[in-house]
Amino acid sequence: MARLILSIIGSWIIGAALSTGTDHIFHVTNVYPPYGEPMMDNGLLLLAFSYRAVFTIFACYLAAIWAKDKARNAIWALGIIGTVLWLAGTIAMWEFAQPWYNIAGI
């Protein structure tokens, strides 16, 4: 059970760090608008959605490797956690992105 919990926590941290780090790089290099401003450009939202999807798949892969025989449980847990967090972010920041981006993330 400890292996399962650690695989979920560890892989979630890695996925979140990759996404947040990439976001930050794009903000400071002026690819994305400054922090606090809405990002309504569909191309930029598609870029963000794409690398976040790749990072999420990578995090699930790591969780599956680390959880070994409970890989399916780890991946389901990550999916549920990700959905709940994206839903919370969507509710809190609906006006900062296009509706398709918020809905697709959930």
PDB file of N, CA and C in Angstrom:
ATOM      1  N   MET A   1       0.821  -1.197   0.000  1.00  0.00           N
ATOM      2  CA  MET A   1       0.000   0.000   0.000  1.00  0.00           C
ATOM      3  C   MET A   1       0.866   1.262   0.000  1.00  0.00           C
ATOM      4  N   ALA A   2       1.966   1.215   0.749  1.00  0.00           N
ATOM      5  CA  ALA A   2       2.860   2.374   0.802  1.00  0.00           C
ATOM      6  C   ALA A   2       3.453   2.647  -0.581  1.00  0.00           C
ATOM      7  N   ARG A   3       3.793   1.578  -1.306  1.00  0.00           N
ATOM      8  CA  ARG A   3       4.342   1.742  -2.653  1.00  0.00           C
ATOM      9  C   ARG A   3       3.330   2.428  -3.559  1.00  0.00           C
ATOM     10  N   LEU A   4       2.072   2.067  -3.451  1.00  0.00           N
ATOM     11  CA  LEU A   4       1.017   2.670  -4.259  1.00  0.00           C
ATOM     12  C   LEU A   4       0.891   4.162  -3.945  1.00  0.00           C
ATOM     13  N   ILE A   5       0.827   4.492  -2.677  1.00  0.00           N
ATOM     14  CA  ILE A   5       0.676   5.894  -2.274  1.00  0.00           C
ATOM     15  C   ILE A   5       1.880   6.714  -2.710  1.00  0.00           C
ATOM     16  N   LEU A   6       3.071   6.191  -2.518  1.00  0.00           N
ATOM     17  CA  LEU A   6       4.276   6.915  -2.922  1.00  0.00           C
ATOM     18  C   LEU A   6       4.359   7.077  -4.439  1.00  0.00           C
ATOM     19  N   SER A   7       3.905   6.068  -5.174  1.00  0.00           N
ATOM     20  CA  SER A   7       3.926   6.187  -6.642  1.00  0.00           C
ATOM     21  C   SER A   7       2.958   7.272  -7.109  1.00  0.00           C
ATOM     22  N   ILE A   8       1.808   7.369  -6.463  1.00  0.00           N
ATOM     23  CA  ILE A   8       0.831   8.397  -6.822  1.00  0.00           C
ATOM     24  C   ILE A   8       1.379   9.787  -6.491  1.00  0.00           C
ATOM     25  N   ILE A   9       1.875   9.945  -5.277  1.00  0.00           N
ATOM     26  CA  ILE A   9       2.387  11.256  -4.856  1.00  0.00           C
ATOM     27  C   ILE A   9       3.598  11.659  -5.690  1.00  0.00           C
ATOM     28  N   GLY A  10       4.534  10.753  -5.851  1.00  0.00           N
ATOM     29  CA  GLY A  10       5.752  11.068  -6.600  1.00  0.00           C
ATOM     30  C   GLY A  10       5.498  11.411  -8.045  1.00  0.00           C
ATOM     31  N   SER A  11       4.681  10.631  -8.695  1.00  0.00           N
ATOM     32  CA  SER A  11       4.416  10.899 -10.108  1.00  0.00           C
ATOM     33  C   SER A  11       3.574  12.157 -10.286  1.00  0.00           C
ATOM     34  N   TRP A  12       2.665  12.436  -9.345  1.00  0.00           N
ATOM     35  CA  TRP A  12       1.886  13.671  -9.435  1.00  0.00           C
ATOM     36  C   TRP A  12       2.795  14.884  -9.274  1.00  0.00           C
ATOM     37  N   ILE A  13       3.733  14.814  -8.341  1.00  0.00           N
ATOM     38  CA  ILE A  13       4.672  15.919  -8.139  1.00  0.00           C
ATOM     39  C   ILE A  13       5.512  16.145  -9.392  1.00  0.00           C
ATOM     40  N   ILE A  14       5.986  15.080 -10.000  1.00  0.00           N
ATOM     41  CA  ILE A  14       6.803  15.213 -11.210  1.00  0.00           C
ATOM     42  C   ILE A  14       5.979  15.821 -12.346  1.00  0.00           C
ATOM     43  N   GLY A  15       4.769  15.323 -12.561  1.00  0.00           N
ATOM     44  CA  GLY A  15       3.907  15.865 -13.614  1.00  0.00           C
ATOM     45  C   GLY A  15       3.579  17.337 -13.379  1.00  0.00           C
ATOM     46  N   ALA A  16       3.266  17.680 -12.142  1.00  0.00           N
ATOM     47  CA  ALA A  16       2.942  19.075 -11.819  1.00  0.00           C
ATOM     48  C   ALA A  16       4.168  19.974 -11.977  1.00  0.00           C
ATOM     49  N   ALA A  17       5.327  19.486 -11.567  1.00  0.00           N
ATOM     50  CA  ALA A  17       6.551  20.282 -11.693  1.00  0.00           C
ATOM     51  C   ALA A  17       6.902  20.513 -13.161  1.00  0.00           C
ATOM     52  N   LEU A  18       6.748  19.494 -13.986  1.00  0.00           N
ATOM     53  CA  LEU A  18       7.027  19.660 -15.418  1.00  0.00           C
ATOM     54  C   LEU A  18       6.078  20.678 -16.051  1.00  0.00           C
ATOM     55  N   SER A  19       4.802  20.563 -15.742  1.00  0.00           N
ATOM     56  CA  SER A  19       3.815  21.490 -16.304  1.00  0.00           C
ATOM     57  C   SER A  19       4.043  22.914 -15.817  1.00  0.00           C
ATOM     58  N   THR A  20       4.228  23.069 -14.517  1.00  0.00           N
ATOM     59  CA  THR A  20       4.434  24.394 -13.954  1.00  0.00           C
ATOM     60  C   THR A  20       5.743  25.008 -14.435  1.00  0.00           C
ATOM     61  N   GLY A  21       6.777  24.195 -14.508  1.00  0.00           N
ATOM     62  CA  GLY A  21       8.061  24.692 -14.993  1.00  0.00           C
ATOM     63  C   GLY A  21       7.997  25.144 -16.438  1.00  0.00           C
ATOM     64  N   THR A  22       7.325  24.365 -17.273  1.00  0.00           N
ATOM     65  CA  THR A  22       7.173  24.743 -18.679  1.00  0.00           C
ATOM     66  C   THR A  22       6.334  26.012 -18.798  1.00  0.00           C
ATOM     67  N   ASP A  23       5.257  26.097 -18.031  1.00  0.00           N
ATOM     68  CA  ASP A  23       4.451  27.328 -18.009  1.00  0.00           C
ATOM     69  C   ASP A  23       5.319  28.530 -17.656  1.00  0.00           C
ATOM     70  N   HIS A  24       6.126  28.381 -16.623  1.00  0.00           N
ATOM     71  CA  HIS A  24       6.955  29.494 -16.161  1.00  0.00           C
ATOM     72  C   HIS A  24       7.958  29.917 -17.244  1.00  0.00           C
ATOM     73  N   ILE A  25       8.586  28.948 -17.885  1.00  0.00           N
ATOM     74  CA  ILE A  25       9.530  29.273 -18.957  1.00  0.00           C
ATOM     75  C   ILE A  25       8.827  30.058 -20.061  1.00  0.00           C
ATOM     76  N   PHE A  26       7.637  29.633 -20.441  1.00  0.00           N
ATOM     77  CA  PHE A  26       6.899  30.340 -21.493  1.00  0.00           C
ATOM     78  C   PHE A  26       6.450  31.731 -21.055  1.00  0.00           C
ATOM     79  N   HIS A  27       6.175  31.904 -19.767  1.00  0.00           N
ATOM     80  CA  HIS A  27       5.806  33.236 -19.273  1.00  0.00           C
ATOM     81  C   HIS A  27       7.006  34.185 -19.292  1.00  0.00           C
ATOM     82  N   VAL A  28       8.149  33.726 -18.791  1.00  0.00           N
ATOM     83  CA  VAL A  28       9.303  34.632 -18.699  1.00  0.00           C
ATOM     84  C   VAL A  28       9.940  34.903 -20.055  1.00  0.00           C
ATOM     85  N   THR A  29       9.709  34.028 -21.034  1.00  0.00           N
ATOM     86  CA  THR A  29      10.234  34.266 -22.386  1.00  0.00           C
ATOM     87  C   THR A  29       9.217  34.983 -23.264  1.00  0.00           C
ATOM     88  N   ASN A  30       8.124  35.415 -22.680  1.00  0.00           N
ATOM     89  CA  ASN A  30       7.065  36.172 -23.363  1.00  0.00           C
ATOM     90  C   ASN A  30       6.357  35.390 -24.472  1.00  0.00           C
ATOM     91  N   VAL A  31       6.397  34.077 -24.401  1.00  0.00           N
ATOM     92  CA  VAL A  31       5.566  33.271 -25.296  1.00  0.00           C
ATOM     93  C   VAL A  31       4.119  33.359 -24.816  1.00  0.00           C
ATOM     94  N   TYR A  32       3.947  33.263 -23.505  1.00  0.00           N
ATOM     95  CA  TYR A  32       2.639  33.424 -22.878  1.00  0.00           C
ATOM     96  C   TYR A  32       2.507  34.849 -22.374  1.00  0.00           C
ATOM     97  N   PRO A  33       1.277  35.323 -22.194  1.00  0.00           N
ATOM     98  CA  PRO A  33       1.084  36.650 -21.590  1.00  0.00           C
ATOM     99  C   PRO A  33       1.609  36.658 -20.151  1.00  0.00           C
ATOM    100  N   PRO A  34       1.824  37.834 -19.593  1.00  0.00           N
ATOM    101  CA  PRO A  34       2.297  37.913 -18.201  1.00  0.00           C
ATOM    102  C   PRO A  34       1.316  37.228 -17.244  1.00  0.00           C
ATOM    103  N   TYR A  35       1.853  36.830 -16.109  1.00  0.00           N
ATOM    104  CA  TYR A  35       1.016  36.199 -15.081  1.00  0.00           C
ATOM    105  C   TYR A  35      -0.149  37.118 -14.731  1.00  0.00           C
ATOM    106  N   GLY A  36      -1.317  36.523 -14.527  1.00  0.00           N
ATOM    107  CA  GLY A  36      -2.501  37.272 -14.131  1.00  0.00           C
ATOM    108  C   GLY A  36      -3.336  37.777 -15.286  1.00  0.00           C
ATOM    109  N   GLU A  37      -2.811  37.707 -16.508  1.00  0.00           N
ATOM    110  CA  GLU A  37      -3.578  38.132 -17.677  1.00  0.00           C
ATOM    111  C   GLU A  37      -4.181  36.912 -18.363  1.00  0.00           C
ATOM    112  N   PRO A  38      -5.383  37.056 -18.914  1.00  0.00           N
ATOM    113  CA  PRO A  38      -6.011  35.926 -19.607  1.00  0.00           C
ATOM    114  C   PRO A  38      -5.203  35.494 -20.829  1.00  0.00           C
ATOM    115  N   MET A  39      -5.284  34.216 -21.140  1.00  0.00           N
ATOM    116  CA  MET A  39      -4.641  33.681 -22.340  1.00  0.00           C
ATOM    117  C   MET A  39      -5.765  33.141 -23.231  1.00  0.00           C
ATOM    118  N   MET A  40      -6.148  33.912 -24.214  1.00  0.00           N
ATOM    119  CA  MET A  40      -7.280  33.559 -25.055  1.00  0.00           C
ATOM    120  C   MET A  40      -6.878  33.066 -26.446  1.00  0.00           C
ATOM    121  N   ASP A  41      -5.593  33.065 -26.751  1.00  0.00           N
ATOM    122  CA  ASP A  41      -5.122  32.619 -28.061  1.00  0.00           C
ATOM    123  C   ASP A  41      -5.240  31.099 -28.151  1.00  0.00           C
ATOM    124  N   ASN A  42      -6.018  30.614 -29.116  1.00  0.00           N
ATOM    125  CA  ASN A  42      -6.247  29.178 -29.238  1.00  0.00           C
ATOM    126  C   ASN A  42      -4.969  28.397 -29.518  1.00  0.00           C
ATOM    127  N   GLY A  43      -4.039  28.990 -30.258  1.00  0.00           N
ATOM    128  CA  GLY A  43      -2.771  28.318 -30.527  1.00  0.00           C
ATOM    129  C   GLY A  43      -1.957  28.095 -29.264  1.00  0.00           C
ATOM    130  N   LEU A  44      -1.910  29.098 -28.416  1.00  0.00           N
ATOM    131  CA  LEU A  44      -1.174  28.962 -27.158  1.00  0.00           C
ATOM    132  C   LEU A  44      -1.864  27.983 -26.208  1.00  0.00           C
ATOM    133  N   LEU A  45      -3.184  28.014 -26.205  1.00  0.00           N
ATOM    134  CA  LEU A  45      -3.910  27.063 -25.365  1.00  0.00           C
ATOM    135  C   LEU A  45      -3.710  25.627 -25.852  1.00  0.00           C
ATOM    136  N   LEU A  46      -3.662  25.452 -27.155  1.00  0.00           N
ATOM    137  CA  LEU A  46      -3.402  24.121 -27.707  1.00  0.00           C
ATOM    138  C   LEU A  46      -1.991  23.662 -27.356  1.00  0.00           C
ATOM    139  N   LEU A  47      -1.039  24.579 -27.393  1.00  0.00           N
ATOM    140  CA  LEU A  47       0.327  24.261 -26.976  1.00  0.00           C
ATOM    141  C   LEU A  47       0.344  23.806 -25.522  1.00  0.00           C
ATOM    142  N   ALA A  48      -0.288  24.573 -24.652  1.00  0.00           N
ATOM    143  CA  ALA A  48      -0.332  24.231 -23.225  1.00  0.00           C
ATOM    144  C   ALA A  48      -1.029  22.887 -23.009  1.00  0.00           C
ATOM    145  N   PHE A  49      -2.132  22.689 -23.697  1.00  0.00           N
ATOM    146  CA  PHE A  49      -2.868  21.433 -23.547  1.00  0.00           C
ATOM    147  C   PHE A  49      -2.018  20.254 -24.011  1.00  0.00           C
ATOM    148  N   SER A  50      -1.270  20.439 -25.086  1.00  0.00           N
ATOM    149  CA  SER A  50      -0.459  19.356 -25.648  1.00  0.00           C
ATOM    150  C   SER A  50       0.650  18.922 -24.704  1.00  0.00           C
ATOM    151  N   TYR A  51       1.427  19.876 -24.208  1.00  0.00           N
ATOM    152  CA  TYR A  51       2.523  19.432 -23.342  1.00  0.00           C
ATOM    153  C   TYR A  51       2.017  18.949 -21.997  1.00  0.00           C
ATOM    154  N   ARG A  52       0.897  19.477 -21.534  1.00  0.00           N
ATOM    155  CA  ARG A  52       0.336  18.954 -20.291  1.00  0.00           C
ATOM    156  C   ARG A  52      -0.169  17.525 -20.465  1.00  0.00           C
ATOM    157  N   ALA A  53      -0.729  17.229 -21.622  1.00  0.00           N
ATOM    158  CA  ALA A  53      -1.165  15.859 -21.893  1.00  0.00           C
ATOM    159  C   ALA A  53       0.032  14.914 -21.918  1.00  0.00           C
ATOM    160  N   VAL A  54       1.110  15.327 -22.555  1.00  0.00           N
ATOM    161  CA  VAL A  54       2.316  14.497 -22.613  1.00  0.00           C
ATOM    162  C   VAL A  54       2.879  14.294 -21.204  1.00  0.00           C
ATOM    163  N   PHE A  55       2.944  15.357 -20.409  1.00  0.00           N
ATOM    164  CA  PHE A  55       3.467  15.237 -19.049  1.00  0.00           C
ATOM    165  C   PHE A  55       2.569  14.356 -18.186  1.00  0.00           C
ATOM    166  N   THR A  56       1.267  14.432 -18.401  1.00  0.00           N
ATOM    167  CA  THR A  56       0.339  13.589 -17.648  1.00  0.00           C
ATOM    168  C   THR A  56       0.528  12.118 -18.004  1.00  0.00           C
ATOM    169  N   ILE A  57       0.678  11.835 -19.273  1.00  0.00           N
ATOM    170  CA  ILE A  57       0.919  10.453 -19.697  1.00  0.00           C
ATOM    171  C   ILE A  57       2.237   9.948 -19.116  1.00  0.00           C
ATOM    172  N   PHE A  58       3.261  10.783 -19.139  1.00  0.00           N
ATOM    173  CA  PHE A  58       4.554  10.417 -18.566  1.00  0.00           C
ATOM    174  C   PHE A  58       4.430  10.145 -17.067  1.00  0.00           C
ATOM    175  N   ALA A  59       3.692  10.992 -16.351  1.00  0.00           N
ATOM    176  CA  ALA A  59       3.497  10.793 -14.912  1.00  0.00           C
ATOM    177  C   ALA A  59       2.752   9.488 -14.639  1.00  0.00           C
ATOM    178  N   CYS A  60       1.760   9.180 -15.448  1.00  0.00           N
ATOM    179  CA  CYS A  60       1.030   7.915 -15.288  1.00  0.00           C
ATOM    180  C   CYS A  60       1.934   6.721 -15.564  1.00  0.00           C
ATOM    181  N   TYR A  61       2.801   6.855 -16.549  1.00  0.00           N
ATOM    182  CA  TYR A  61       3.762   5.797 -16.859  1.00  0.00           C
ATOM    183  C   TYR A  61       4.677   5.552 -15.656  1.00  0.00           C
ATOM    184  N   LEU A  62       5.201   6.638 -15.070  1.00  0.00           N
ATOM    185  CA  LEU A  62       6.051   6.488 -13.890  1.00  0.00           C
ATOM    186  C   LEU A  62       5.289   5.837 -12.742  1.00  0.00           C
ATOM    187  N   ALA A  63       4.051   6.279 -12.526  1.00  0.00           N
ATOM    188  CA  ALA A  63       3.246   5.702 -11.447  1.00  0.00           C
ATOM    189  C   ALA A  63       3.034   4.212 -11.671  1.00  0.00           C
ATOM    190  N   ALA A  64       2.793   3.822 -12.902  1.00  0.00           N
ATOM    191  CA  ALA A  64       2.575   2.409 -13.212  1.00  0.00           C
ATOM    192  C   ALA A  64       3.837   1.595 -12.946  1.00  0.00           C
ATOM    193  N   ILE A  65       4.981   2.147 -13.311  1.00  0.00           N
ATOM    194  CA  ILE A  65       6.240   1.436 -13.062  1.00  0.00           C
ATOM    195  C   ILE A  65       6.489   1.306 -11.566  1.00  0.00           C
ATOM    196  N   TRP A  66       6.305   2.399 -10.834  1.00  0.00           N
ATOM    197  CA  TRP A  66       6.595   2.386  -9.404  1.00  0.00           C
ATOM    198  C   TRP A  66       5.576   1.570  -8.611  1.00  0.00           C
ATOM    199  N   ALA A  67       4.324   1.562  -9.041  1.00  0.00           N
ATOM    200  CA  ALA A  67       3.285   0.840  -8.296  1.00  0.00           C
ATOM    201  C   ALA A  67       3.305  -0.652  -8.589  1.00  0.00           C
ATOM    202  N   LYS A  68       3.955  -1.052  -9.659  1.00  0.00           N
ATOM    203  CA  LYS A  68       4.080  -2.443 -10.103  1.00  0.00           C
ATOM    204  C   LYS A  68       2.726  -3.139 -10.218  1.00  0.00           C
ATOM    205  N   ASP A  69       2.390  -4.035  -9.312  1.00  0.00           N
ATOM    206  CA  ASP A  69       1.166  -4.829  -9.436  1.00  0.00           C
ATOM    207  C   ASP A  69      -0.113  -4.023  -9.174  1.00  0.00           C
ATOM    208  N   LYS A  70       0.018  -2.815  -8.674  1.00  0.00           N
ATOM    209  CA  LYS A  70      -1.154  -1.958  -8.450  1.00  0.00           C
ATOM    210  C   LYS A  70      -1.140  -0.768  -9.408  1.00  0.00           C
ATOM    211  N   ALA A  71      -0.589  -0.988 -10.585  1.00  0.00           N
ATOM    212  CA  ALA A  71      -0.444   0.090 -11.568  1.00  0.00           C
ATOM    213  C   ALA A  71      -1.788   0.692 -11.955  1.00  0.00           C
ATOM    214  N   ARG A  72      -2.768  -0.151 -12.175  1.00  0.00           N
ATOM    215  CA  ARG A  72      -4.089   0.350 -12.575  1.00  0.00           C
ATOM    216  C   ARG A  72      -4.683   1.259 -11.499  1.00  0.00           C
ATOM    217  N   ASN A  73      -4.527   0.886 -10.250  1.00  0.00           N
ATOM    218  CA  ASN A  73      -5.040   1.718  -9.158  1.00  0.00           C
ATOM    219  C   ASN A  73      -4.335   3.070  -9.116  1.00  0.00           C
ATOM    220  N   ALA A  74      -3.034   3.064  -9.336  1.00  0.00           N
ATOM    221  CA  ALA A  74      -2.271   4.318  -9.320  1.00  0.00           C
ATOM    222  C   ALA A  74      -2.729   5.237 -10.444  1.00  0.00           C
ATOM    223  N   ILE A  75      -2.919   4.681 -11.622  1.00  0.00           N
ATOM    224  CA  ILE A  75      -3.330   5.495 -12.772  1.00  0.00           C
ATOM    225  C   ILE A  75      -4.740   6.042 -12.564  1.00  0.00           C
ATOM    226  N   TRP A  76      -5.630   5.237 -12.040  1.00  0.00           N
ATOM    227  CA  TRP A  76      -6.984   5.720 -11.754  1.00  0.00           C
ATOM    228  C   TRP A  76      -6.949   6.845 -10.728  1.00  0.00           C
ATOM    229  N   ALA A  77      -6.132   6.666  -9.698  1.00  0.00           N
ATOM    230  CA  ALA A  77      -6.030   7.701  -8.668  1.00  0.00           C
ATOM    231  C   ALA A  77      -5.509   9.003  -9.264  1.00  0.00           C
ATOM    232  N   LEU A  78      -4.482   8.917 -10.103  1.00  0.00           N
ATOM    233  CA  LEU A  78      -3.957  10.119 -10.750  1.00  0.00           C
ATOM    234  C   LEU A  78      -5.011  10.778 -11.633  1.00  0.00           C
ATOM    235  N   GLY A  79      -5.780   9.975 -12.342  1.00  0.00           N
ATOM    236  CA  GLY A  79      -6.838  10.520 -13.192  1.00  0.00           C
ATOM    237  C   GLY A  79      -7.901  11.251 -12.398  1.00  0.00           C
ATOM    238  N   ILE A  80      -8.274  10.674 -11.291  1.00  0.00           N
ATOM    239  CA  ILE A  80      -9.294  11.302 -10.443  1.00  0.00           C
ATOM    240  C   ILE A  80      -8.754  12.589  -9.817  1.00  0.00           C
ATOM    241  N   ILE A  81      -7.529  12.526  -9.300  1.00  0.00           N
ATOM    242  CA  ILE A  81      -6.914  13.720  -8.708  1.00  0.00           C
ATOM    243  C   ILE A  81      -6.791  14.821  -9.750  1.00  0.00           C
ATOM    244  N   GLY A  82      -6.316  14.476 -10.933  1.00  0.00           N
ATOM    245  CA  GLY A  82      -6.156  15.464 -11.995  1.00  0.00           C
ATOM    246  C   GLY A  82      -7.475  16.089 -12.411  1.00  0.00           C
ATOM    247  N   THR A  83      -8.504  15.275 -12.516  1.00  0.00           N
ATOM    248  CA  THR A  83      -9.818  15.786 -12.902  1.00  0.00           C
ATOM    249  C   THR A  83     -10.372  16.744 -11.850  1.00  0.00           C
ATOM    250  N   VAL A  84     -10.259  16.366 -10.588  1.00  0.00           N
ATOM    251  CA  VAL A  84     -10.761  17.221  -9.508  1.00  0.00           C
ATOM    252  C   VAL A  84      -9.995  18.538  -9.472  1.00  0.00           C
ATOM    253  N   LEU A  85      -8.671  18.487  -9.600  1.00  0.00           N
ATOM    254  CA  LEU A  85      -7.877  19.714  -9.551  1.00  0.00           C
ATOM    255  C   LEU A  85      -8.146  20.603 -10.767  1.00  0.00           C
ATOM    256  N   TRP A  86      -8.279  19.996 -11.952  1.00  0.00           N
ATOM    257  CA  TRP A  86      -8.562  20.807 -13.141  1.00  0.00           C
ATOM    258  C   TRP A  86      -9.948  21.434 -13.025  1.00  0.00           C
ATOM    259  N   LEU A  87     -10.913  20.692 -12.488  1.00  0.00           N
ATOM    260  CA  LEU A  87     -12.250  21.237 -12.281  1.00  0.00           C
ATOM    261  C   LEU A  87     -12.200  22.423 -11.316  1.00  0.00           C
ATOM    262  N   ALA A  88     -11.451  22.292 -10.242  1.00  0.00           N
ATOM    263  CA  ALA A  88     -11.323  23.403  -9.290  1.00  0.00           C
ATOM    264  C   ALA A  88     -10.675  24.613  -9.956  1.00  0.00           C
ATOM    265  N   GLY A  89      -9.644  24.368 -10.750  1.00  0.00           N
ATOM    266  CA  GLY A  89      -9.000  25.464 -11.471  1.00  0.00           C
ATOM    267  C   GLY A  89      -9.924  26.107 -12.481  1.00  0.00           C
ATOM    268  N   THR A  90     -10.734  25.302 -13.137  1.00  0.00           N
ATOM    269  CA  THR A  90     -11.687  25.819 -14.112  1.00  0.00           C
ATOM    270  C   THR A  90     -12.721  26.715 -13.432  1.00  0.00           C
ATOM    271  N   ILE A  91     -13.219  26.274 -12.304  1.00  0.00           N
ATOM    272  CA  ILE A  91     -14.204  27.072 -11.576  1.00  0.00           C
ATOM    273  C   ILE A  91     -13.585  28.382 -11.100  1.00  0.00           C
ATOM    274  N   ALA A  92     -12.365  28.309 -10.577  1.00  0.00           N
ATOM    275  CA  ALA A  92     -11.724  29.501 -10.026  1.00  0.00           C
ATOM    276  C   ALA A  92     -11.266  30.481 -11.103  1.00  0.00           C
ATOM    277  N   MET A  93     -10.920  29.965 -12.295  1.00  0.00           N
ATOM    278  CA  MET A  93     -10.298  30.835 -13.299  1.00  0.00           C
ATOM    279  C   MET A  93     -10.967  30.695 -14.669  1.00  0.00           C
ATOM    280  N   TRP A  94     -12.259  30.542 -14.696  1.00  0.00           N
ATOM    281  CA  TRP A  94     -13.002  30.330 -15.937  1.00  0.00           C
ATOM    282  C   TRP A  94     -12.709  31.403 -16.978  1.00  0.00           C
ATOM    283  N   GLU A  95     -12.609  32.640 -16.566  1.00  0.00           N
ATOM    284  CA  GLU A  95     -12.466  33.752 -17.508  1.00  0.00           C
ATOM    285  C   GLU A  95     -11.039  33.918 -18.027  1.00  0.00           C
ATOM    286  N   PHE A  96     -10.089  33.103 -17.589  1.00  0.00           N
ATOM    287  CA  PHE A  96      -8.694  33.256 -18.006  1.00  0.00           C
ATOM    288  C   PHE A  96      -8.314  32.406 -19.212  1.00  0.00           C
ATOM    289  N   ALA A  97      -9.229  31.593 -19.736  1.00  0.00           N
ATOM    290  CA  ALA A  97      -8.946  30.765 -20.913  1.00  0.00           C
ATOM    291  C   ALA A  97     -10.248  30.501 -21.662  1.00  0.00           C
ATOM    292  N   GLN A  98     -10.108  30.021 -22.880  1.00  0.00           N
ATOM    293  CA  GLN A  98     -11.274  29.670 -23.699  1.00  0.00           C
ATOM    294  C   GLN A  98     -12.035  28.502 -23.049  1.00  0.00           C
ATOM    295  N   PRO A  99     -13.350  28.477 -23.183  1.00  0.00           N
ATOM    296  CA  PRO A  99     -14.128  27.385 -22.592  1.00  0.00           C
ATOM    297  C   PRO A  99     -13.700  25.991 -23.060  1.00  0.00           C
ATOM    298  N   TRP A 100     -13.317  25.836 -24.335  1.00  0.00           N
ATOM    299  CA  TRP A 100     -12.936  24.507 -24.830  1.00  0.00           C
ATOM    300  C   TRP A 100     -11.729  23.960 -24.052  1.00  0.00           C
ATOM    301  N   TYR A 101     -10.813  24.843 -23.687  1.00  0.00           N
ATOM    302  CA  TYR A 101      -9.611  24.419 -22.966  1.00  0.00           C
ATOM    303  C   TYR A 101      -9.971  23.906 -21.559  1.00  0.00           C
ATOM    304  N   ASN A 102     -10.819  24.669 -20.883  1.00  0.00           N
ATOM    305  CA  ASN A 102     -11.247  24.260 -19.550  1.00  0.00           C
ATOM    306  C   ASN A 102     -12.000  22.939 -19.575  1.00  0.00           C
ATOM    307  N   ILE A 103     -12.919  22.815 -20.508  1.00  0.00           N
ATOM    308  CA  ILE A 103     -13.741  21.597 -20.588  1.00  0.00           C
ATOM    309  C   ILE A 103     -12.908  20.393 -21.017  1.00  0.00           C
ATOM    310  N   ALA A 104     -12.020  20.569 -21.973  1.00  0.00           N
ATOM    311  CA  ALA A 104     -11.183  19.466 -22.453  1.00  0.00           C
ATOM    312  C   ALA A 104     -10.259  18.969 -21.346  1.00  0.00           C
ATOM    313  N   GLY A 105      -9.774  19.861 -20.515  1.00  0.00           N
ATOM    314  CA  GLY A 105      -8.907  19.459 -19.426  1.00  0.00           C
ATOM    315  C   GLY A 105      -9.606  18.608 -18.380  1.00  0.00           C
ATOM    316  N   ILE A 106     -10.851  18.906 -18.150  1.00  0.00           N
ATOM    317  CA  ILE A 106     -11.623  18.145 -17.167  1.00  0.00           C
ATOM    318  C   ILE A 106     -11.856  16.752 -17.713  1.00  0.00           C
TER     319      ILE A 106
END
